[in-house]
Amino acid sequence: MADAALDIPKFQGELDKAKAALALVQADAANLAKNKATIDKWKEAIKAWEKAIAGSGATTYQRALTRQQTYRGQALAQYTNAQRDVKDGLAMTQLICSKGY
């Protein structure tokens, strides 16, 4: 995912090309009614590109990467806590056995 975030400038270039293509299709006033479906598809594609590479200062890829890092940290913390709990249980068992209960 980190590699995808590095490709944002490339994605921005593709978005610019899509906007230019949309402008060309919209400029063809003679065939505007005929090109309506194409124009609508270009607009949807542009919205999808903008959503993927923009939005609140963080890209979709960056947010997904941050989420994965958070989940990894939580999983590691649970593992560390489980390890501590096992050590505590072992110590308690050894104490009980040494006292003869």
N, C-alpha and C. Protein backbone atom coordinates (compact mmCIF):
# COMPACT_ATOMS: atom_id res chain seq x y z
N MET A 1 0.81 -1.19 0.00
CA MET A 1 0.00 0.00 0.00
C MET A 1 0.85 1.26 0.00
N ALA A 2 1.98 1.18 0.64
CA ALA A 2 2.85 2.34 0.68
C ALA A 2 3.31 2.70 -0.73
N ASP A 3 3.55 1.67 -1.57
CA ASP A 3 3.97 1.93 -2.94
C ASP A 3 2.87 2.65 -3.72
N ALA A 4 1.62 2.28 -3.46
CA ALA A 4 0.51 2.92 -4.15
C ALA A 4 0.43 4.40 -3.79
N ALA A 5 0.70 4.72 -2.53
CA ALA A 5 0.66 6.12 -2.10
C ALA A 5 1.74 6.93 -2.81
N LEU A 6 2.84 6.29 -3.16
CA LEU A 6 3.92 7.00 -3.85
C LEU A 6 3.56 7.31 -5.30
N ASP A 7 2.56 6.62 -5.86
CA ASP A 7 2.16 6.82 -7.24
C ASP A 7 1.15 7.94 -7.42
N ILE A 8 0.87 8.71 -6.39
CA ILE A 8 -0.13 9.77 -6.46
C ILE A 8 0.17 10.75 -7.60
N PRO A 9 1.42 11.20 -7.80
CA PRO A 9 1.68 12.10 -8.93
C PRO A 9 1.31 11.47 -10.28
N LYS A 10 1.56 10.17 -10.41
CA LYS A 10 1.18 9.48 -11.65
C LYS A 10 -0.34 9.48 -11.79
N PHE A 11 -1.03 9.20 -10.69
CA PHE A 11 -2.49 9.20 -10.71
C PHE A 11 -3.02 10.59 -11.03
N GLN A 12 -2.37 11.61 -10.51
CA GLN A 12 -2.80 12.99 -10.79
C GLN A 12 -2.67 13.28 -12.28
N GLY A 13 -1.61 12.78 -12.90
CA GLY A 13 -1.44 12.95 -14.34
C GLY A 13 -2.55 12.28 -15.12
N GLU A 14 -2.94 11.08 -14.68
CA GLU A 14 -4.04 10.37 -15.34
C GLU A 14 -5.35 11.13 -15.16
N LEU A 15 -5.55 11.71 -13.99
CA LEU A 15 -6.75 12.50 -13.73
C LEU A 15 -6.79 13.71 -14.66
N ASP A 16 -5.66 14.36 -14.83
CA ASP A 16 -5.59 15.52 -15.72
C ASP A 16 -5.91 15.13 -17.17
N LYS A 17 -5.42 13.95 -17.59
CA LYS A 17 -5.73 13.47 -18.94
C LYS A 17 -7.23 13.21 -19.09
N ALA A 18 -7.84 12.64 -18.06
CA ALA A 18 -9.28 12.36 -18.10
C ALA A 18 -10.07 13.66 -18.18
N LYS A 19 -9.64 14.67 -17.43
CA LYS A 19 -10.33 15.96 -17.48
C LYS A 19 -10.20 16.59 -18.87
N ALA A 20 -9.03 16.45 -19.48
CA ALA A 20 -8.83 17.00 -20.82
C ALA A 20 -9.71 16.27 -21.83
N ALA A 21 -9.82 14.95 -21.70
CA ALA A 21 -10.67 14.18 -22.61
C ALA A 21 -12.13 14.58 -22.44
N LEU A 22 -12.56 14.79 -21.21
CA LEU A 22 -13.93 15.23 -20.95
C LEU A 22 -14.18 16.60 -21.58
N ALA A 23 -13.23 17.49 -21.45
CA ALA A 23 -13.38 18.82 -22.03
C ALA A 23 -13.53 18.74 -23.55
N LEU A 24 -12.78 17.84 -24.19
CA LEU A 24 -12.89 17.68 -25.64
C LEU A 24 -14.27 17.18 -26.04
N VAL A 25 -14.78 16.20 -25.30
CA VAL A 25 -16.10 15.64 -25.63
C VAL A 25 -17.18 16.68 -25.39
N GLN A 26 -17.05 17.46 -24.32
CA GLN A 26 -18.05 18.49 -24.03
C GLN A 26 -17.99 19.63 -25.04
N ALA A 27 -16.82 19.87 -25.62
CA ALA A 27 -16.66 20.96 -26.59
C ALA A 27 -17.35 20.66 -27.92
N ASP A 28 -17.62 19.38 -28.18
CA ASP A 28 -18.28 18.99 -29.43
C ASP A 28 -19.77 19.25 -29.31
N ALA A 29 -20.16 20.52 -29.49
CA ALA A 29 -21.55 20.94 -29.29
C ALA A 29 -22.50 20.29 -30.29
N ALA A 30 -22.01 19.98 -31.47
CA ALA A 30 -22.88 19.38 -32.50
C ALA A 30 -23.36 17.99 -32.08
N ASN A 31 -22.53 17.26 -31.37
CA ASN A 31 -22.87 15.89 -30.98
C ASN A 31 -23.10 15.76 -29.47
N LEU A 32 -23.48 16.84 -28.83
CA LEU A 32 -23.61 16.85 -27.38
C LEU A 32 -24.64 15.83 -26.88
N ALA A 33 -25.78 15.75 -27.53
CA ALA A 33 -26.81 14.79 -27.12
C ALA A 33 -26.32 13.36 -27.32
N LYS A 34 -25.63 13.14 -28.43
CA LYS A 34 -25.11 11.81 -28.73
C LYS A 34 -24.02 11.40 -27.74
N ASN A 35 -23.25 12.36 -27.26
CA ASN A 35 -22.13 12.08 -26.36
C ASN A 35 -22.51 12.12 -24.88
N LYS A 36 -23.80 12.30 -24.57
CA LYS A 36 -24.21 12.45 -23.17
C LYS A 36 -23.77 11.26 -22.31
N ALA A 37 -23.95 10.04 -22.80
CA ALA A 37 -23.56 8.86 -22.03
C ALA A 37 -22.05 8.84 -21.79
N THR A 38 -21.29 9.20 -22.81
CA THR A 38 -19.83 9.25 -22.68
C THR A 38 -19.42 10.31 -21.67
N ILE A 39 -20.06 11.46 -21.74
CA ILE A 39 -19.75 12.55 -20.80
C ILE A 39 -20.05 12.12 -19.37
N ASP A 40 -21.19 11.46 -19.18
CA ASP A 40 -21.55 11.00 -17.83
C ASP A 40 -20.53 9.99 -17.30
N LYS A 41 -20.07 9.10 -18.17
CA LYS A 41 -19.07 8.11 -17.74
C LYS A 41 -17.75 8.78 -17.39
N TRP A 42 -17.34 9.77 -18.19
CA TRP A 42 -16.11 10.50 -17.88
C TRP A 42 -16.23 11.22 -16.54
N LYS A 43 -17.40 11.83 -16.29
CA LYS A 43 -17.60 12.54 -15.03
C LYS A 43 -17.52 11.58 -13.84
N GLU A 44 -18.12 10.39 -13.98
CA GLU A 44 -18.04 9.39 -12.91
C GLU A 44 -16.59 8.97 -12.67
N ALA A 45 -15.87 8.75 -13.77
CA ALA A 45 -14.47 8.33 -13.65
C ALA A 45 -13.64 9.42 -12.96
N ILE A 46 -13.87 10.66 -13.32
CA ILE A 46 -13.12 11.77 -12.72
C ILE A 46 -13.44 11.87 -11.23
N LYS A 47 -14.71 11.72 -10.86
CA LYS A 47 -15.06 11.75 -9.44
C LYS A 47 -14.37 10.64 -8.67
N ALA A 48 -14.31 9.45 -9.27
CA ALA A 48 -13.64 8.32 -8.61
C ALA A 48 -12.15 8.60 -8.43
N TRP A 49 -11.50 9.15 -9.47
CA TRP A 49 -10.07 9.49 -9.37
C TRP A 49 -9.85 10.53 -8.27
N GLU A 50 -10.70 11.56 -8.27
CA GLU A 50 -10.54 12.62 -7.27
C GLU A 50 -10.74 12.09 -5.86
N LYS A 51 -11.70 11.20 -5.71
CA LYS A 51 -11.95 10.61 -4.39
C LYS A 51 -10.76 9.77 -3.95
N ALA A 52 -10.15 9.07 -4.89
CA ALA A 52 -9.03 8.19 -4.56
C ALA A 52 -7.78 8.96 -4.17
N ILE A 53 -7.54 10.11 -4.80
CA ILE A 53 -6.27 10.81 -4.54
C ILE A 53 -6.43 12.10 -3.77
N ALA A 54 -7.63 12.40 -3.33
CA ALA A 54 -7.83 13.66 -2.61
C ALA A 54 -8.57 13.40 -1.31
N GLY A 55 -9.07 14.44 -0.72
CA GLY A 55 -9.92 14.29 0.44
C GLY A 55 -9.21 14.46 1.75
N SER A 56 -9.52 15.49 2.44
CA SER A 56 -9.06 15.79 3.80
C SER A 56 -7.56 15.60 4.00
N GLY A 57 -6.77 15.86 2.99
CA GLY A 57 -5.32 15.84 3.14
C GLY A 57 -4.69 14.46 3.14
N ALA A 58 -5.48 13.41 3.15
CA ALA A 58 -4.93 12.06 3.14
C ALA A 58 -5.60 11.28 2.02
N THR A 59 -4.82 10.51 1.30
CA THR A 59 -5.39 9.72 0.23
C THR A 59 -6.04 8.47 0.79
N THR A 60 -6.83 7.84 -0.03
CA THR A 60 -7.47 6.59 0.37
C THR A 60 -6.41 5.57 0.75
N TYR A 61 -5.33 5.53 -0.01
CA TYR A 61 -4.26 4.58 0.27
C TYR A 61 -3.59 4.89 1.61
N GLN A 62 -3.36 6.15 1.87
CA GLN A 62 -2.71 6.53 3.12
C GLN A 62 -3.59 6.20 4.31
N ARG A 63 -4.91 6.44 4.18
CA ARG A 63 -5.82 6.11 5.28
C ARG A 63 -5.85 4.60 5.51
N ALA A 64 -5.86 3.82 4.43
CA ALA A 64 -5.86 2.36 4.57
C ALA A 64 -4.57 1.89 5.22
N LEU A 65 -3.45 2.49 4.84
CA LEU A 65 -2.17 2.12 5.43
C LEU A 65 -2.15 2.46 6.91
N THR A 66 -2.66 3.61 7.28
CA THR A 66 -2.73 4.01 8.68
C THR A 66 -3.60 3.04 9.47
N ARG A 67 -4.73 2.64 8.89
CA ARG A 67 -5.61 1.67 9.55
C ARG A 67 -4.88 0.35 9.79
N GLN A 68 -4.16 -0.12 8.77
CA GLN A 68 -3.44 -1.38 8.91
C GLN A 68 -2.36 -1.29 9.98
N GLN A 69 -1.67 -0.16 10.05
CA GLN A 69 -0.65 0.02 11.08
C GLN A 69 -1.28 0.05 12.46
N THR A 70 -2.45 0.65 12.58
CA THR A 70 -3.16 0.68 13.86
C THR A 70 -3.55 -0.73 14.28
N TYR A 71 -4.13 -1.49 13.35
CA TYR A 71 -4.53 -2.87 13.65
C TYR A 71 -3.33 -3.72 14.04
N ARG A 72 -2.22 -3.51 13.36
CA ARG A 72 -1.00 -4.27 13.67
C ARG A 72 -0.53 -3.94 15.09
N GLY A 73 -0.55 -2.65 15.44
CA GLY A 73 -0.15 -2.25 16.78
C GLY A 73 -1.05 -2.86 17.85
N GLN A 74 -2.36 -2.90 17.57
CA GLN A 74 -3.29 -3.50 18.53
C GLN A 74 -3.03 -5.00 18.67
N ALA A 75 -2.78 -5.66 17.55
CA ALA A 75 -2.51 -7.10 17.60
C ALA A 75 -1.23 -7.39 18.37
N LEU A 76 -0.20 -6.59 18.15
CA LEU A 76 1.06 -6.79 18.88
C LEU A 76 0.87 -6.53 20.37
N ALA A 77 0.07 -5.53 20.72
CA ALA A 77 -0.19 -5.25 22.13
C ALA A 77 -0.93 -6.40 22.77
N GLN A 78 -1.89 -6.98 22.07
CA GLN A 78 -2.61 -8.13 22.62
C GLN A 78 -1.68 -9.31 22.81
N TYR A 79 -0.79 -9.52 21.85
CA TYR A 79 0.17 -10.62 21.97
C TYR A 79 1.08 -10.39 23.17
N THR A 80 1.58 -9.18 23.33
CA THR A 80 2.45 -8.85 24.46
C THR A 80 1.70 -9.05 25.78
N ASN A 81 0.45 -8.60 25.83
CA ASN A 81 -0.34 -8.78 27.05
C ASN A 81 -0.60 -10.25 27.33
N ALA A 82 -0.85 -11.04 26.30
CA ALA A 82 -1.07 -12.47 26.49
C ALA A 82 0.19 -13.13 27.03
N GLN A 83 1.33 -12.72 26.54
CA GLN A 83 2.60 -13.27 27.01
C GLN A 83 2.77 -12.96 28.50
N ARG A 84 2.45 -11.75 28.91
CA ARG A 84 2.56 -11.37 30.31
C ARG A 84 1.59 -12.19 31.17
N ASP A 85 0.37 -12.39 30.67
CA ASP A 85 -0.63 -13.17 31.40
C ASP A 85 -0.18 -14.61 31.59
N VAL A 86 0.44 -15.18 30.58
CA VAL A 86 0.94 -16.56 30.70
C VAL A 86 2.05 -16.62 31.75
N LYS A 87 2.94 -15.64 31.74
CA LYS A 87 4.02 -15.62 32.75
C LYS A 87 3.44 -15.47 34.15
N ASP A 88 2.42 -14.62 34.31
CA ASP A 88 1.79 -14.45 35.62
C ASP A 88 1.13 -15.75 36.07
N GLY A 89 0.45 -16.41 35.16
CA GLY A 89 -0.21 -17.69 35.48
C GLY A 89 0.80 -18.75 35.87
N LEU A 90 1.91 -18.80 35.16
CA LEU A 90 2.97 -19.76 35.48
C LEU A 90 3.56 -19.47 36.85
N ALA A 91 3.81 -18.21 37.15
CA ALA A 91 4.36 -17.85 38.45
C ALA A 91 3.39 -18.22 39.57
N MET A 92 2.10 -17.98 39.35
CA MET A 92 1.10 -18.32 40.36
C MET A 92 1.03 -19.83 40.56
N THR A 93 1.09 -20.58 39.47
CA THR A 93 1.06 -22.04 39.55
C THR A 93 2.27 -22.56 40.31
N GLN A 94 3.44 -22.01 40.04
CA GLN A 94 4.66 -22.43 40.74
C GLN A 94 4.56 -22.10 42.22
N LEU A 95 4.00 -20.95 42.55
CA LEU A 95 3.84 -20.56 43.95
C LEU A 95 2.90 -21.52 44.67
N ILE A 96 1.78 -21.83 44.04
CA ILE A 96 0.81 -22.74 44.64
C ILE A 96 1.42 -24.12 44.84
N CYS A 97 2.14 -24.60 43.82
CA CYS A 97 2.75 -25.92 43.92
C CYS A 97 3.85 -25.95 44.97
N SER A 98 4.59 -24.88 45.11
CA SER A 98 5.68 -24.86 46.10
C SER A 98 5.14 -24.80 47.52
N LYS A 99 3.97 -24.25 47.71
CA LYS A 99 3.35 -24.17 49.04
C LYS A 99 2.63 -25.47 49.39
N GLY A 100 2.40 -26.32 48.40
CA GLY A 100 1.77 -27.60 48.65
C GLY A 100 0.26 -27.55 48.72
N TYR A 101 -0.37 -26.60 48.14
CA TYR A 101 -1.83 -26.53 48.18
C TYR A 101 -2.44 -27.50 47.24
